[in-house]
Amino acid sequence: MPSSSSASESQGPKRARRAASGRSGPKRRRAERAERRPTIYDLARITGVSPGTVSRVLNNRDKVADETREKVLRAATELNLKPQASVRLREIAILSEPNYSDRVEGYAATLTAHLTFALSRRNIGVMLPTNPFEELPGMFLDGIIAVTEDKALRALVAELERRMPVVHMDKFPLDPAEHIVCSDHFGSGYLAARHLIEHGRKRLAFFGGDYPPFAERLAGFKKALVEADLPVDERCVSLYNPSITHASVLTRMVRAGADGIYAPGSSFQAMECLHVLTYVMGLKVPQDIALIGGENEGVSGLLNPPLTTIEEPLREMAERAAEMLDRLTSGNRAPQRNVTLPVRLIERNSVV
C-alpha cells in the first residue's frame, strides 16, 4: 500500500489544479461580464425607462417624449450601444440645405442620388431628412454625409460630429482635421480661363454664386488671367447672392466688354446664362461671346449651341465618400482625410 505521504503527494497536483480553478473561476466570470456587450436592458436600467422605450428610440420610432429620447440617445452613445438592426444595417443621413432649389434637381440632387446608390451597394441604409434641424437631434445614426451646408446647417453638423463620423462634400477651405471629398475647383477655374484664352478671348468674365466652392474656382480663374498678363476687371467678376437677378449680372459683364464667360456649377447655371444671353440680350454664342459652364449630363450637349463644360466627377466623389464613411462607421480610420478629385474639360461648340 502506498504510504500516506505518497498519497498526499499524488493528490497534491489535483488539489493544486482544483485550487487554481477555484481561484480563477470568479475572476474569469468577472472578466467575461466586463467584456459583455451592453444591451437595451442595461440602457433601460441606467436611464430609468422601459426596454420597449429604449428599442423605440434606437430604431427611430415615434411616440417617445423628446426629453426621454435625448436621455436614451446620450446614454447609448456613452455605452456605445447600437440596436440589433444597426448591427446588420448601418444608417447614414445625407444632408442638404432645405431651402436650396438644387436639392430637387442639379448638383445636390445628383450627388445625393450617387451617394444613395454607393451606400446601398455597401449594405448601408440611407435617411434623407426633410428638415434636418427638426429630425436629426432625435435620430440614432451611424454617420452623416453633408452635401451642402449653409451657416445654420453647418452649426448643426458640427454639434452632431461630436458623437458620429461626418464626411463633407465640397467644403472649403479644406480642413485637415475633417473628412472632406471634393473636386478640384481651383483647377476648374484655371482650366476654363486657359481654354478661353487659347481661343483668343481677352476680356474674361466669371459668373458664380457667393459660396466657398465658387470662390475657389474664381481663384484659379484669376491665376490663369495673371499668367496670361490679362486684366482682372472686377466688373466682369461676380459672386452674386440669390437676391440679384442673373440678367442684371450678365448685362453688367457684357457692357464691360466681356467676350468670354465661365459660369461653373452643376445646377444649370450655364444654361440660364445661355438663355439670357441669347433670348434676352440678343447675343450669339459663341460668335459674340463665348461660354463655358458646368456639366449637366444629358443636357449640356443638347443645347444650342452644345455647351463646352467643366465636368465634376460627382459619381466618383460619391464612391469615395461612401468608402470613407464605410470605414469610419466600421471602427476603422480613413487612409486620407481630404480627397480632391480632378475635373475634365468637355469641348463642344460654345467656344471657338
Protein backbone atom coordinates (compact mmCIF):
# COMPACT_ATOMS: atom_id res chain seq x y z
CA MET A 1 0.00 0.00 0.00
CA PRO A 2 1.25 3.47 -0.66
CA SER A 3 2.22 5.48 2.32
CA SER A 4 0.12 8.42 3.46
CA SER A 5 2.87 10.72 2.39
CA SER A 6 2.95 9.28 -1.11
CA ALA A 7 -0.86 9.50 -1.35
CA SER A 8 -0.70 13.09 -0.29
CA GLU A 9 1.93 13.74 -2.87
CA SER A 10 -0.12 12.06 -5.60
CA GLN A 11 -3.18 14.13 -4.71
CA GLY A 12 -1.21 17.36 -4.45
CA PRO A 13 -1.29 18.24 -8.17
CA LYS A 14 -5.04 17.55 -8.29
CA ARG A 15 -5.70 19.77 -5.28
CA ALA A 16 -3.44 22.40 -6.79
CA ARG A 17 -5.40 22.28 -10.06
CA ARG A 18 -8.72 22.44 -8.19
CA ALA A 19 -7.47 25.33 -6.07
CA ALA A 20 -6.20 27.15 -9.15
CA SER A 21 -9.50 26.54 -10.88
CA GLY A 22 -11.38 27.80 -7.85
CA ARG A 23 -9.32 30.95 -7.72
CA SER A 24 -9.55 31.71 -11.44
CA GLY A 25 -13.28 30.98 -11.81
CA PRO A 26 -14.69 34.20 -10.26
CA LYS A 27 -12.03 36.28 -11.95
CA ARG A 28 -12.83 34.71 -15.28
CA ARG A 29 -16.56 35.30 -14.83
CA ARG A 30 -15.95 38.92 -13.85
CA ALA A 31 -13.77 39.39 -16.94
CA GLU A 32 -16.46 37.83 -19.11
CA ARG A 33 -19.08 40.17 -17.65
CA ALA A 34 -16.77 43.13 -18.25
CA GLU A 35 -16.33 42.12 -21.89
CA ARG A 36 -20.08 41.52 -22.44
CA ARG A 37 -21.67 43.96 -24.85
CA PRO A 38 -24.24 46.24 -23.24
CA THR A 39 -27.89 45.53 -24.04
CA ILE A 40 -31.08 47.53 -24.16
CA TYR A 41 -31.81 46.20 -20.65
CA ASP A 42 -28.62 47.83 -19.36
CA LEU A 43 -29.63 51.06 -21.07
CA ALA A 44 -33.16 50.82 -19.66
CA ARG A 45 -31.78 50.37 -16.14
CA ILE A 46 -29.40 53.32 -16.48
CA THR A 47 -31.99 55.70 -17.93
CA GLY A 48 -34.93 54.52 -15.84
CA VAL A 49 -37.21 53.75 -18.79
CA SER A 50 -38.62 50.51 -20.14
CA PRO A 51 -36.71 48.29 -22.61
CA GLY A 52 -39.55 48.88 -25.09
CA THR A 53 -38.97 52.65 -24.94
CA VAL A 54 -35.23 52.12 -25.45
CA SER A 55 -35.97 49.97 -28.50
CA ARG A 56 -38.27 52.63 -29.96
CA VAL A 57 -35.61 55.31 -29.56
CA LEU A 58 -32.77 53.25 -31.04
CA ASN A 59 -34.87 52.26 -34.03
CA ASN A 60 -36.08 55.83 -34.70
CA ARG A 61 -39.72 55.09 -33.86
CA ASP A 62 -42.25 57.71 -32.76
CA LYS A 63 -44.34 58.10 -29.57
CA VAL A 64 -41.37 58.92 -27.34
CA ALA A 65 -41.07 62.23 -25.49
CA ASP A 66 -38.23 64.47 -26.72
CA GLU A 67 -36.63 64.62 -23.27
CA THR A 68 -36.70 60.82 -22.93
CA ARG A 69 -35.35 60.34 -26.45
CA GLU A 70 -32.44 62.68 -25.75
CA LYS A 71 -31.62 60.93 -22.45
CA VAL A 72 -31.58 57.49 -24.09
CA LEU A 73 -29.51 58.67 -27.07
CA ARG A 74 -26.95 60.30 -24.79
CA ALA A 75 -26.63 57.18 -22.64
CA ALA A 76 -26.46 54.91 -25.71
CA THR A 77 -23.58 56.95 -27.08
CA GLU A 78 -21.71 56.64 -23.78
CA LEU A 79 -22.25 52.86 -23.74
CA ASN A 80 -21.51 52.53 -27.48
CA LEU A 81 -24.77 50.60 -27.76
CA LYS A 82 -26.45 50.09 -31.12
CA PRO A 83 -29.76 48.40 -31.89
CA GLN A 84 -29.69 44.95 -33.40
CA ALA A 85 -30.94 46.33 -36.72
CA SER A 86 -27.96 48.67 -36.88
CA VAL A 87 -25.59 45.78 -36.34
CA ARG A 88 -26.91 44.37 -39.62
CA LEU A 89 -27.61 47.64 -41.40
CA ARG A 90 -25.90 50.91 -40.59
CA GLU A 91 -27.91 54.08 -41.17
CA ILE A 92 -26.45 57.21 -42.72
CA ALA A 93 -28.16 60.58 -43.14
CA ILE A 94 -27.45 62.52 -46.35
CA LEU A 95 -27.95 66.22 -45.70
CA SER A 96 -28.53 69.22 -47.91
CA GLU A 97 -29.99 72.62 -47.18
CA PRO A 98 -33.82 72.51 -47.15
CA ASN A 99 -34.31 75.81 -49.00
CA TYR A 100 -31.92 75.27 -51.92
CA SER A 101 -33.51 74.59 -55.32
CA ASP A 102 -30.79 72.13 -56.35
CA ARG A 103 -31.93 69.80 -53.59
CA VAL A 104 -34.54 68.55 -56.07
CA GLU A 105 -32.55 68.93 -59.29
CA GLY A 106 -28.99 69.90 -60.05
CA TYR A 107 -25.82 69.46 -58.00
CA ALA A 108 -27.24 68.40 -54.62
CA ALA A 109 -29.86 66.12 -56.15
CA THR A 110 -27.39 64.39 -58.48
CA LEU A 111 -24.78 63.92 -55.78
CA THR A 112 -27.41 62.63 -53.33
CA ALA A 113 -28.56 60.05 -55.90
CA HIS A 114 -25.00 58.83 -56.49
CA LEU A 115 -24.38 58.66 -52.73
CA THR A 116 -27.57 56.67 -52.15
CA PHE A 117 -26.56 54.01 -54.67
CA ALA A 118 -22.96 53.91 -53.41
CA LEU A 119 -24.07 53.40 -49.81
CA SER A 120 -26.75 50.85 -50.74
CA ARG A 121 -24.15 48.72 -52.52
CA ARG A 122 -22.31 48.59 -49.18
CA ASN A 123 -25.46 47.47 -47.35
CA ILE A 124 -25.75 50.84 -45.58
CA GLY A 125 -29.20 52.32 -45.03
CA VAL A 126 -29.86 55.90 -46.15
CA MET A 127 -32.01 58.55 -44.48
CA LEU A 128 -32.93 61.80 -46.27
CA PRO A 129 -34.29 64.17 -43.61
CA THR A 130 -36.80 66.67 -44.95
CA ASN A 131 -35.92 69.10 -42.18
CA PRO A 132 -32.55 68.21 -40.59
CA PHE A 133 -32.99 70.74 -37.79
CA GLU A 134 -36.14 69.05 -36.50
CA GLU A 135 -35.36 65.41 -37.30
CA LEU A 136 -31.65 64.81 -36.73
CA PRO A 137 -31.33 65.52 -32.97
CA GLY A 138 -33.78 62.70 -32.21
CA MET A 139 -32.36 60.09 -34.61
CA PHE A 140 -29.97 57.25 -33.85
CA LEU A 141 -27.48 57.41 -36.73
CA ASP A 142 -24.14 55.84 -37.54
CA GLY A 143 -22.88 58.78 -39.59
CA ILE A 144 -23.63 61.76 -41.82
CA ILE A 145 -22.69 62.93 -45.31
CA ALA A 146 -23.19 66.69 -45.71
CA VAL A 147 -23.73 67.57 -49.37
CA THR A 148 -24.45 71.30 -48.97
CA GLU A 149 -24.18 73.33 -45.78
CA ASP A 150 -25.19 76.90 -45.07
CA LYS A 151 -24.18 78.53 -41.79
CA ALA A 152 -27.09 77.12 -39.78
CA LEU A 153 -26.77 73.56 -41.08
CA ARG A 154 -23.00 73.64 -40.61
CA ALA A 155 -23.50 74.52 -36.94
CA LEU A 156 -25.90 71.57 -36.50
CA VAL A 157 -23.49 69.19 -38.24
CA ALA A 158 -20.60 70.38 -36.05
CA GLU A 159 -22.67 69.54 -32.97
CA LEU A 160 -23.56 66.07 -34.28
CA GLU A 161 -19.96 65.43 -35.33
CA ARG A 162 -19.07 65.12 -31.66
CA ARG A 163 -20.84 61.75 -31.48
CA MET A 164 -20.69 60.33 -35.00
CA PRO A 165 -18.44 60.47 -38.08
CA VAL A 166 -19.21 63.07 -40.75
CA VAL A 167 -17.99 63.33 -44.34
CA HIS A 168 -18.32 66.74 -46.02
CA MET A 169 -18.71 67.20 -49.77
CA ASP A 170 -17.03 70.17 -51.48
CA LYS A 171 -16.36 72.01 -48.22
CA PHE A 172 -13.87 74.87 -48.45
CA PRO A 173 -11.40 75.79 -47.21
CA LEU A 174 -10.10 72.27 -46.68
CA ASP A 175 -9.57 71.40 -43.03
CA PRO A 176 -7.00 68.63 -42.40
CA ALA A 177 -8.91 67.62 -39.24
CA GLU A 178 -12.17 66.95 -41.15
CA HIS A 179 -13.16 64.25 -43.62
CA ILE A 180 -13.80 66.02 -46.94
CA VAL A 181 -14.29 64.82 -50.52
CA CYS A 182 -14.27 67.45 -53.25
CA SER A 183 -13.45 68.10 -56.87
CA ASP A 184 -10.58 70.36 -57.92
CA HIS A 185 -12.47 73.64 -58.05
CA PHE A 186 -9.29 75.72 -58.27
CA GLY A 187 -8.21 73.63 -61.23
CA SER A 188 -11.68 74.03 -62.75
CA GLY A 189 -11.41 77.83 -62.82
CA TYR A 190 -7.86 77.70 -64.12
CA LEU A 191 -8.74 75.22 -66.87
CA ALA A 192 -11.76 77.24 -68.05
CA ALA A 193 -9.83 80.51 -68.25
CA ARG A 194 -6.92 78.87 -70.10
CA HIS A 195 -9.32 77.38 -72.65
CA LEU A 196 -10.96 80.76 -73.32
CA ILE A 197 -7.58 82.47 -73.61
CA GLU A 198 -6.28 79.82 -76.02
CA HIS A 199 -9.29 80.58 -78.24
CA GLY A 200 -8.43 84.27 -78.45
CA ARG A 201 -10.69 85.69 -75.75
CA LYS A 202 -9.18 88.69 -73.93
CA ARG A 203 -11.92 90.05 -71.64
CA LEU A 204 -12.95 87.17 -69.46
CA ALA A 205 -15.86 87.16 -67.02
CA PHE A 206 -16.68 84.86 -64.10
CA PHE A 207 -20.33 84.22 -63.18
CA GLY A 208 -20.83 82.37 -59.88
CA GLY A 209 -22.67 82.37 -56.57
CA ASP A 210 -21.37 83.75 -53.30
CA TYR A 211 -20.31 80.39 -51.85
CA PRO A 212 -16.87 78.98 -50.97
CA PRO A 213 -16.67 76.48 -53.89
CA PHE A 214 -17.23 79.31 -56.39
CA ALA A 215 -14.61 81.45 -54.64
CA GLU A 216 -12.17 78.55 -55.04
CA ARG A 217 -12.92 78.40 -58.77
CA LEU A 218 -12.53 82.16 -59.08
CA ALA A 219 -9.06 81.96 -57.51
CA GLY A 220 -7.96 79.50 -60.21
CA PHE A 221 -9.64 81.64 -62.89
CA LYS A 222 -7.73 84.75 -61.80
CA LYS A 223 -4.44 82.87 -61.69
CA ALA A 224 -4.78 81.98 -65.38
CA LEU A 225 -5.51 85.63 -66.22
CA VAL A 226 -2.46 86.85 -64.34
CA GLU A 227 -0.23 84.26 -66.02
CA ALA A 228 -1.51 85.43 -69.44
CA ASP A 229 -0.95 89.07 -68.47
CA LEU A 230 -4.63 89.85 -68.94
CA PRO A 231 -6.57 92.29 -66.75
CA VAL A 232 -8.90 91.18 -63.95
CA ASP A 233 -11.83 93.56 -64.40
CA GLU A 234 -13.96 93.47 -61.24
CA ARG A 235 -16.99 94.47 -63.32
CA CYS A 236 -16.61 91.09 -65.01
CA VAL A 237 -16.30 89.15 -61.77
CA SER A 238 -19.43 88.20 -59.85
CA LEU A 239 -20.02 86.17 -56.72
CA TYR A 240 -23.72 87.04 -56.63
CA ASN A 241 -26.24 86.31 -53.89
CA PRO A 242 -29.73 84.91 -54.61
CA SER A 243 -31.36 88.35 -54.40
CA ILE A 244 -29.56 89.52 -57.57
CA THR A 245 -31.00 88.53 -60.94
CA HIS A 246 -28.82 86.72 -63.43
CA ALA A 247 -29.88 89.13 -66.17
CA SER A 248 -28.56 92.15 -64.27
CA VAL A 249 -25.21 90.47 -63.61
CA LEU A 250 -24.77 89.38 -67.22
CA THR A 251 -25.80 92.81 -68.52
CA ARG A 252 -23.07 94.43 -66.45
CA MET A 253 -20.47 91.98 -67.76
CA VAL A 254 -21.43 92.48 -71.40
CA ARG A 255 -21.39 96.26 -71.00
CA ALA A 256 -17.89 95.96 -69.53
CA GLY A 257 -16.77 94.32 -72.77
CA ALA A 258 -16.64 90.65 -71.77
CA ASP A 259 -16.02 88.32 -74.71
CA GLY A 260 -15.92 85.05 -72.75
CA ILE A 261 -17.81 83.87 -69.65
CA TYR A 262 -17.24 80.98 -67.29
CA ALA A 263 -20.43 80.01 -65.42
CA PRO A 264 -19.46 77.00 -63.25
CA GLY A 265 -21.72 74.67 -61.30
CA SER A 266 -23.83 71.59 -61.93
CA SER A 267 -27.19 73.23 -61.20
CA PHE A 268 -27.91 74.56 -64.73
CA GLN A 269 -26.21 77.92 -64.16
CA ALA A 270 -24.68 77.98 -67.64
CA MET A 271 -27.99 77.02 -69.25
CA GLU A 272 -29.60 80.06 -67.60
CA CYS A 273 -26.75 82.23 -68.86
CA LEU A 274 -27.19 80.92 -72.37
CA HIS A 275 -30.91 81.69 -72.25
CA VAL A 276 -30.36 85.27 -71.02
CA LEU A 277 -27.54 85.99 -73.46
CA THR A 278 -29.47 84.60 -76.44
CA TYR A 279 -33.14 85.39 -75.82
CA VAL A 280 -32.99 88.43 -73.53
CA MET A 281 -29.88 90.25 -74.75
CA GLY A 282 -29.98 89.07 -78.39
CA LEU A 283 -26.34 87.90 -78.49
CA LYS A 284 -24.95 84.97 -80.44
CA VAL A 285 -22.92 82.28 -78.66
CA PRO A 286 -20.06 81.83 -79.49
CA GLN A 287 -19.81 84.47 -82.21
CA ASP A 288 -20.45 87.47 -79.93
CA ILE A 289 -19.45 85.91 -76.64
CA ALA A 290 -18.03 82.51 -75.67
CA LEU A 291 -19.47 80.50 -72.80
CA ILE A 292 -18.15 77.66 -70.62
CA GLY A 293 -20.37 76.07 -67.99
CA GLY A 294 -20.54 73.22 -65.55
CA GLU A 295 -21.56 69.88 -66.99
CA ASN A 296 -25.14 68.67 -66.62
CA GLU A 297 -25.08 65.17 -68.02
CA GLY A 298 -27.66 64.59 -70.72
CA VAL A 299 -28.47 68.31 -71.00
CA SER A 300 -25.32 70.33 -71.77
CA GLY A 301 -24.70 68.55 -75.07
CA LEU A 302 -28.27 69.08 -76.31
CA LEU A 303 -28.36 72.87 -76.05
CA ASN A 304 -28.00 75.27 -78.97
CA PRO A 305 -25.08 75.56 -79.23
CA PRO A 306 -23.88 72.50 -77.30
CA LEU A 307 -22.02 73.81 -74.27
CA THR A 308 -18.33 73.45 -73.59
CA THR A 309 -18.18 72.45 -69.93
CA ILE A 310 -16.00 71.54 -66.98
CA GLU A 311 -17.23 68.22 -65.60
CA GLU A 312 -17.08 67.50 -61.88
CA PRO A 313 -16.61 63.79 -61.04
CA LEU A 314 -19.80 63.56 -58.96
CA ARG A 315 -20.14 59.79 -59.26
CA GLU A 316 -16.55 59.19 -58.19
CA MET A 317 -16.91 61.73 -55.38
CA ALA A 318 -19.90 59.78 -54.09
CA GLU A 319 -17.99 56.49 -54.24
CA ARG A 320 -15.04 57.91 -52.34
CA ALA A 321 -17.30 59.47 -49.69
CA ALA A 322 -19.23 56.20 -49.25
CA GLU A 323 -15.98 54.27 -48.98
CA MET A 324 -14.65 56.73 -46.40
CA LEU A 325 -17.79 56.59 -44.26
CA ASP A 326 -17.96 52.82 -44.59
CA ARG A 327 -14.55 52.61 -42.95
CA LEU A 328 -15.32 55.19 -40.28
CA THR A 329 -18.60 53.55 -39.24
CA SER A 330 -16.86 50.17 -39.05
CA GLY A 331 -14.41 51.47 -36.46
CA ASN A 332 -11.54 51.96 -38.90
CA ARG A 333 -9.58 55.02 -39.95
CA ALA A 334 -9.82 56.59 -43.37
CA PRO A 335 -6.39 56.45 -45.05
CA GLN A 336 -6.85 60.04 -46.27
CA ARG A 337 -8.98 62.74 -44.66
CA ASN A 338 -9.03 65.24 -47.54
CA VAL A 339 -9.64 63.80 -51.03
CA THR A 340 -9.55 66.08 -54.10
CA LEU A 341 -10.53 64.60 -57.47
CA PRO A 342 -9.61 66.04 -60.90
CA VAL A 343 -12.09 67.73 -63.24
CA ARG A 344 -12.43 67.29 -67.02
CA LEU A 345 -12.88 69.77 -69.88
CA ILE A 346 -15.52 68.70 -72.42
CA GLU A 347 -15.12 70.66 -75.67
CA ARG A 348 -18.26 71.45 -77.64
CA ASN A 349 -19.42 74.43 -79.72
CA SER A 350 -19.91 77.33 -77.29
CA VAL A 351 -16.22 78.31 -77.55
CA VAL A 352 -14.50 78.75 -80.93
